[in-house]
Amino acid sequence: MARWFRFLITIAIGISIGLVYGWIVNPVEYVDTAPASLRMDYKTDYILMVAEAYKVEQDLDLAVRRLALLGDTAPQEMILEAIAYAAEIQYDPVDLVLMQALSDGLKAWDPRWEAPAP
């Protein structure tokens, strides 16, 4: 009985020291993390938020500036990737329509852009 008690106390002390070190002494610090480093699901959510804002504001320049925060990829390509990902994980059809409306708006905004062949 005494061996188990000492063993459990040692484990509890080790976990406590580890938590104190990880949370208080040396916690993780995220500094200047770029939105371009987001995973695809978060990028898709961000693009959906931009599409929702575009629906209300109808300002393509502002939408493009917001999309530029996601990296160097062309805004139209980002939206197409997001639409494909959203369809794959079965986003609400209303959300897909919003993103498609933003994509259509960008096509009118920059008529030089053509969609890649499937």
N, C-alpha and C. Protein backbone atom coordinates (compact mmCIF):
# COMPACT_ATOMS: atom_id res chain seq x y z
N MET A 1 0.82 -1.20 0.00
CA MET A 1 0.00 0.00 0.00
C MET A 1 0.86 1.26 0.00
N ALA A 2 1.92 1.26 0.80
CA ALA A 2 2.79 2.42 0.89
C ALA A 2 3.51 2.68 -0.43
N ARG A 3 3.87 1.61 -1.17
CA ARG A 3 4.54 1.79 -2.47
C ARG A 3 3.61 2.49 -3.45
N TRP A 4 2.34 2.07 -3.51
CA TRP A 4 1.39 2.71 -4.43
C TRP A 4 1.14 4.16 -4.06
N PHE A 5 1.06 4.41 -2.80
CA PHE A 5 0.83 5.78 -2.33
C PHE A 5 1.99 6.68 -2.74
N ARG A 6 3.24 6.23 -2.51
CA ARG A 6 4.41 7.01 -2.90
C ARG A 6 4.45 7.20 -4.41
N PHE A 7 4.11 6.14 -5.14
CA PHE A 7 4.09 6.22 -6.61
C PHE A 7 3.09 7.27 -7.08
N LEU A 8 1.88 7.25 -6.58
CA LEU A 8 0.84 8.21 -6.98
C LEU A 8 1.20 9.64 -6.57
N ILE A 9 1.80 9.80 -5.40
CA ILE A 9 2.24 11.13 -4.96
C ILE A 9 3.33 11.65 -5.90
N THR A 10 4.26 10.80 -6.30
CA THR A 10 5.33 11.19 -7.21
C THR A 10 4.76 11.60 -8.56
N ILE A 11 3.80 10.85 -9.07
CA ILE A 11 3.15 11.19 -10.34
C ILE A 11 2.43 12.53 -10.23
N ALA A 12 1.70 12.75 -9.15
CA ALA A 12 0.97 14.01 -8.95
C ALA A 12 1.93 15.19 -8.86
N ILE A 13 3.04 15.01 -8.17
CA ILE A 13 4.03 16.09 -8.07
C ILE A 13 4.63 16.38 -9.44
N GLY A 14 4.94 15.35 -10.22
CA GLY A 14 5.50 15.54 -11.56
C GLY A 14 4.55 16.27 -12.48
N ILE A 15 3.28 15.90 -12.45
CA ILE A 15 2.28 16.58 -13.27
C ILE A 15 2.14 18.04 -12.83
N SER A 16 2.13 18.28 -11.54
CA SER A 16 2.00 19.65 -11.02
C SER A 16 3.18 20.51 -11.45
N ILE A 17 4.38 19.98 -11.34
CA ILE A 17 5.57 20.74 -11.75
C ILE A 17 5.51 21.01 -13.25
N GLY A 18 5.11 20.03 -14.04
CA GLY A 18 5.00 20.22 -15.48
C GLY A 18 3.99 21.29 -15.86
N LEU A 19 2.85 21.31 -15.20
CA LEU A 19 1.83 22.32 -15.47
C LEU A 19 2.29 23.71 -15.07
N VAL A 20 2.93 23.83 -13.92
CA VAL A 20 3.44 25.13 -13.49
C VAL A 20 4.48 25.64 -14.47
N TYR A 21 5.38 24.77 -14.91
CA TYR A 21 6.41 25.19 -15.86
C TYR A 21 5.77 25.60 -17.19
N GLY A 22 4.84 24.80 -17.71
CA GLY A 22 4.24 25.07 -19.01
C GLY A 22 3.29 26.26 -19.04
N TRP A 23 2.61 26.52 -17.94
CA TRP A 23 1.62 27.60 -17.92
C TRP A 23 2.13 28.90 -17.32
N ILE A 24 3.09 28.81 -16.40
CA ILE A 24 3.53 30.02 -15.69
C ILE A 24 4.97 30.39 -16.03
N VAL A 25 5.89 29.45 -15.90
CA VAL A 25 7.31 29.74 -16.07
C VAL A 25 7.65 30.02 -17.54
N ASN A 26 7.23 29.15 -18.44
CA ASN A 26 7.61 29.28 -19.84
C ASN A 26 6.41 28.96 -20.76
N PRO A 27 5.38 29.79 -20.77
CA PRO A 27 4.22 29.50 -21.62
C PRO A 27 4.53 29.79 -23.10
N VAL A 28 3.76 29.19 -23.97
CA VAL A 28 3.92 29.41 -25.41
C VAL A 28 3.46 30.83 -25.73
N GLU A 29 4.24 31.52 -26.54
CA GLU A 29 3.89 32.88 -26.94
C GLU A 29 3.79 32.93 -28.47
N TYR A 30 2.63 33.31 -28.96
CA TYR A 30 2.44 33.49 -30.39
C TYR A 30 2.55 34.97 -30.67
N VAL A 31 3.53 35.35 -31.48
CA VAL A 31 3.77 36.74 -31.77
C VAL A 31 3.74 36.95 -33.28
N ASP A 32 2.93 37.90 -33.72
CA ASP A 32 2.85 38.26 -35.13
C ASP A 32 2.60 37.05 -36.04
N THR A 33 1.70 36.21 -35.65
CA THR A 33 1.35 35.06 -36.48
C THR A 33 0.50 35.55 -37.64
N ALA A 34 0.92 35.20 -38.83
CA ALA A 34 0.25 35.67 -40.04
C ALA A 34 -1.00 34.83 -40.32
N PRO A 35 -2.06 35.46 -40.81
CA PRO A 35 -3.24 34.69 -41.19
C PRO A 35 -2.96 33.66 -42.28
N ALA A 36 -1.89 33.87 -43.06
CA ALA A 36 -1.53 32.91 -44.10
C ALA A 36 -1.14 31.56 -43.52
N SER A 37 -0.82 31.51 -42.23
CA SER A 37 -0.42 30.25 -41.61
C SER A 37 -1.61 29.43 -41.12
N LEU A 38 -2.82 29.90 -41.35
CA LEU A 38 -4.01 29.19 -40.90
C LEU A 38 -4.19 27.88 -41.67
N ARG A 39 -4.84 26.92 -41.02
CA ARG A 39 -5.21 25.69 -41.72
C ARG A 39 -6.32 26.00 -42.71
N MET A 40 -6.55 25.07 -43.63
CA MET A 40 -7.53 25.30 -44.70
C MET A 40 -8.94 25.52 -44.14
N ASP A 41 -9.31 24.82 -43.08
CA ASP A 41 -10.66 25.01 -42.55
C ASP A 41 -10.85 26.42 -41.99
N TYR A 42 -9.82 26.97 -41.36
CA TYR A 42 -9.92 28.33 -40.84
C TYR A 42 -9.86 29.36 -41.97
N LYS A 43 -9.05 29.07 -43.00
CA LYS A 43 -9.01 29.97 -44.15
C LYS A 43 -10.38 30.01 -44.83
N THR A 44 -11.01 28.85 -44.94
CA THR A 44 -12.33 28.79 -45.55
C THR A 44 -13.33 29.59 -44.72
N ASP A 45 -13.27 29.46 -43.41
CA ASP A 45 -14.15 30.25 -42.55
C ASP A 45 -13.89 31.75 -42.73
N TYR A 46 -12.62 32.13 -42.83
CA TYR A 46 -12.28 33.54 -43.02
C TYR A 46 -12.83 34.05 -44.35
N ILE A 47 -12.67 33.25 -45.40
CA ILE A 47 -13.18 33.66 -46.71
C ILE A 47 -14.70 33.76 -46.67
N LEU A 48 -15.35 32.88 -45.94
CA LEU A 48 -16.80 32.98 -45.78
C LEU A 48 -17.18 34.27 -45.06
N MET A 49 -16.41 34.65 -44.04
CA MET A 49 -16.69 35.92 -43.35
C MET A 49 -16.50 37.11 -44.28
N VAL A 50 -15.47 37.05 -45.12
CA VAL A 50 -15.26 38.12 -46.10
C VAL A 50 -16.44 38.17 -47.07
N ALA A 51 -16.92 37.00 -47.49
CA ALA A 51 -18.06 36.94 -48.41
C ALA A 51 -19.32 37.51 -47.76
N GLU A 52 -19.51 37.22 -46.48
CA GLU A 52 -20.67 37.77 -45.77
C GLU A 52 -20.57 39.28 -45.65
N ALA A 53 -19.37 39.77 -45.37
CA ALA A 53 -19.18 41.23 -45.30
C ALA A 53 -19.38 41.86 -46.67
N TYR A 54 -18.91 41.19 -47.72
CA TYR A 54 -19.08 41.70 -49.08
C TYR A 54 -20.57 41.79 -49.44
N LYS A 55 -21.34 40.82 -49.01
CA LYS A 55 -22.78 40.83 -49.29
C LYS A 55 -23.43 42.10 -48.73
N VAL A 56 -22.99 42.51 -47.55
CA VAL A 56 -23.56 43.68 -46.89
C VAL A 56 -22.99 44.98 -47.47
N GLU A 57 -21.65 45.01 -47.64
CA GLU A 57 -20.97 46.25 -48.01
C GLU A 57 -20.90 46.49 -49.51
N GLN A 58 -20.86 45.43 -50.30
CA GLN A 58 -20.71 45.52 -51.76
C GLN A 58 -19.46 46.33 -52.15
N ASP A 59 -18.36 46.11 -51.43
CA ASP A 59 -17.11 46.82 -51.69
C ASP A 59 -16.03 45.79 -52.04
N LEU A 60 -15.77 45.60 -53.35
CA LEU A 60 -14.80 44.61 -53.79
C LEU A 60 -13.37 44.96 -53.39
N ASP A 61 -13.04 46.24 -53.43
CA ASP A 61 -11.69 46.64 -53.04
C ASP A 61 -11.40 46.23 -51.59
N LEU A 62 -12.34 46.46 -50.72
CA LEU A 62 -12.18 46.09 -49.32
C LEU A 62 -12.10 44.57 -49.18
N ALA A 63 -12.91 43.84 -49.93
CA ALA A 63 -12.88 42.38 -49.87
C ALA A 63 -11.53 41.85 -50.33
N VAL A 64 -10.98 42.45 -51.39
CA VAL A 64 -9.67 42.01 -51.88
C VAL A 64 -8.59 42.31 -50.85
N ARG A 65 -8.66 43.46 -50.21
CA ARG A 65 -7.68 43.77 -49.16
C ARG A 65 -7.77 42.78 -48.02
N ARG A 66 -8.98 42.40 -47.65
CA ARG A 66 -9.15 41.42 -46.58
C ARG A 66 -8.60 40.06 -47.00
N LEU A 67 -8.84 39.67 -48.24
CA LEU A 67 -8.33 38.39 -48.72
C LEU A 67 -6.81 38.40 -48.86
N ALA A 68 -6.23 39.56 -49.10
CA ALA A 68 -4.78 39.65 -49.25
C ALA A 68 -4.05 39.27 -47.96
N LEU A 69 -4.73 39.35 -46.83
CA LEU A 69 -4.12 38.95 -45.56
C LEU A 69 -3.81 37.46 -45.51
N LEU A 70 -4.46 36.68 -46.38
CA LEU A 70 -4.27 35.23 -46.36
C LEU A 70 -3.04 34.77 -47.14
N GLY A 71 -2.33 35.67 -47.78
CA GLY A 71 -1.11 35.26 -48.46
C GLY A 71 -1.00 35.85 -49.85
N ASP A 72 -0.04 35.30 -50.60
CA ASP A 72 0.28 35.82 -51.91
C ASP A 72 -0.56 35.22 -53.03
N THR A 73 -1.36 34.23 -52.73
CA THR A 73 -2.20 33.61 -53.75
C THR A 73 -3.24 34.61 -54.23
N ALA A 74 -3.57 34.52 -55.51
CA ALA A 74 -4.58 35.41 -56.08
C ALA A 74 -5.91 35.20 -55.34
N PRO A 75 -6.64 36.28 -55.08
CA PRO A 75 -7.90 36.16 -54.33
C PRO A 75 -8.88 35.17 -54.98
N GLN A 76 -8.97 35.21 -56.30
CA GLN A 76 -9.90 34.32 -56.99
C GLN A 76 -9.53 32.85 -56.75
N GLU A 77 -8.24 32.55 -56.77
CA GLU A 77 -7.80 31.17 -56.54
C GLU A 77 -8.09 30.73 -55.10
N MET A 78 -7.88 31.66 -54.15
CA MET A 78 -8.18 31.35 -52.75
C MET A 78 -9.66 31.01 -52.59
N ILE A 79 -10.50 31.79 -53.23
CA ILE A 79 -11.95 31.57 -53.10
C ILE A 79 -12.34 30.23 -53.72
N LEU A 80 -11.78 29.92 -54.88
CA LEU A 80 -12.10 28.64 -55.53
C LEU A 80 -11.65 27.46 -54.66
N GLU A 81 -10.48 27.57 -54.05
CA GLU A 81 -10.02 26.51 -53.14
C GLU A 81 -10.95 26.39 -51.94
N ALA A 82 -11.37 27.53 -51.42
CA ALA A 82 -12.27 27.52 -50.26
C ALA A 82 -13.62 26.92 -50.62
N ILE A 83 -14.13 27.26 -51.81
CA ILE A 83 -15.42 26.69 -52.24
C ILE A 83 -15.30 25.18 -52.38
N ALA A 84 -14.21 24.71 -52.98
CA ALA A 84 -14.02 23.27 -53.15
C ALA A 84 -13.92 22.57 -51.79
N TYR A 85 -13.18 23.17 -50.87
CA TYR A 85 -13.05 22.58 -49.54
C TYR A 85 -14.39 22.60 -48.81
N ALA A 86 -15.10 23.72 -48.92
CA ALA A 86 -16.40 23.84 -48.24
C ALA A 86 -17.40 22.82 -48.78
N ALA A 87 -17.37 22.59 -50.09
CA ALA A 87 -18.28 21.60 -50.68
C ALA A 87 -17.89 20.20 -50.21
N GLU A 88 -16.59 19.96 -50.09
CA GLU A 88 -16.10 18.65 -49.66
C GLU A 88 -16.54 18.32 -48.24
N ILE A 89 -16.50 19.29 -47.35
CA ILE A 89 -16.88 19.00 -45.96
C ILE A 89 -18.33 19.41 -45.68
N GLN A 90 -19.06 19.66 -46.73
CA GLN A 90 -20.51 19.88 -46.69
C GLN A 90 -20.91 21.10 -45.87
N TYR A 91 -20.38 22.24 -46.26
CA TYR A 91 -20.85 23.51 -45.69
C TYR A 91 -22.31 23.70 -46.09
N ASP A 92 -22.98 24.56 -45.39
CA ASP A 92 -24.36 24.92 -45.72
C ASP A 92 -24.40 25.50 -47.14
N PRO A 93 -25.36 25.07 -47.96
CA PRO A 93 -25.44 25.60 -49.33
C PRO A 93 -25.54 27.13 -49.39
N VAL A 94 -26.12 27.75 -48.40
CA VAL A 94 -26.21 29.21 -48.36
C VAL A 94 -24.80 29.81 -48.29
N ASP A 95 -23.92 29.18 -47.52
CA ASP A 95 -22.55 29.66 -47.41
C ASP A 95 -21.81 29.51 -48.73
N LEU A 96 -22.06 28.41 -49.41
CA LEU A 96 -21.43 28.20 -50.72
C LEU A 96 -21.89 29.26 -51.72
N VAL A 97 -23.16 29.62 -51.65
CA VAL A 97 -23.69 30.66 -52.54
C VAL A 97 -23.03 32.01 -52.24
N LEU A 98 -22.83 32.31 -50.97
CA LEU A 98 -22.17 33.57 -50.60
C LEU A 98 -20.74 33.62 -51.15
N MET A 99 -20.00 32.53 -51.00
CA MET A 99 -18.63 32.51 -51.51
C MET A 99 -18.61 32.58 -53.03
N GLN A 100 -19.58 31.94 -53.67
CA GLN A 100 -19.66 32.00 -55.13
C GLN A 100 -20.00 33.41 -55.60
N ALA A 101 -20.83 34.11 -54.85
CA ALA A 101 -21.16 35.50 -55.20
C ALA A 101 -19.92 36.38 -55.11
N LEU A 102 -19.10 36.16 -54.10
CA LEU A 102 -17.84 36.91 -54.00
C LEU A 102 -16.93 36.57 -55.16
N SER A 103 -16.87 35.30 -55.52
CA SER A 103 -16.06 34.88 -56.66
C SER A 103 -16.54 35.54 -57.95
N ASP A 104 -17.85 35.57 -58.14
CA ASP A 104 -18.42 36.21 -59.34
C ASP A 104 -18.12 37.71 -59.34
N GLY A 105 -18.20 38.33 -58.18
CA GLY A 105 -17.88 39.75 -58.09
C GLY A 105 -16.43 40.03 -58.46
N LEU A 106 -15.54 39.13 -58.04
CA LEU A 106 -14.13 39.31 -58.38
C LEU A 106 -13.87 39.11 -59.86
N LYS A 107 -14.63 38.23 -60.48
CA LYS A 107 -14.48 38.05 -61.94
C LYS A 107 -14.85 39.33 -62.66
N ALA A 108 -15.89 40.00 -62.21
CA ALA A 108 -16.29 41.27 -62.83
C ALA A 108 -15.29 42.37 -62.49
N TRP A 109 -14.69 42.29 -61.31
CA TRP A 109 -13.73 43.29 -60.87
C TRP A 109 -12.43 43.21 -61.67
N ASP A 110 -11.99 41.99 -62.00
CA ASP A 110 -10.77 41.77 -62.75
C ASP A 110 -11.09 40.84 -63.93
N PRO A 111 -11.54 41.41 -65.04
CA PRO A 111 -11.97 40.57 -66.17
C PRO A 111 -10.82 39.82 -66.84
N ARG A 112 -9.57 40.16 -66.53
CA ARG A 112 -8.44 39.44 -67.12
C ARG A 112 -8.31 38.04 -66.56
N TRP A 113 -8.89 37.82 -65.38
CA TRP A 113 -8.74 36.53 -64.73
C TRP A 113 -9.69 35.52 -65.35
N GLU A 114 -9.17 34.33 -65.65
CA GLU A 114 -10.01 33.25 -66.15
C GLU A 114 -9.83 32.05 -65.24
N ALA A 115 -10.90 31.35 -65.03
CA ALA A 115 -10.83 30.17 -64.17
C ALA A 115 -10.00 29.10 -64.85
N PRO A 116 -9.22 28.33 -64.06
CA PRO A 116 -8.43 27.24 -64.66
C PRO A 116 -9.36 26.15 -65.18
N ALA A 117 -8.90 25.49 -66.23
CA ALA A 117 -9.68 24.41 -66.82
C ALA A 117 -9.73 23.25 -65.85
N PRO A 118 -10.91 22.62 -65.69
CA PRO A 118 -11.01 21.49 -64.74
C PRO A 118 -10.29 20.27 -65.21
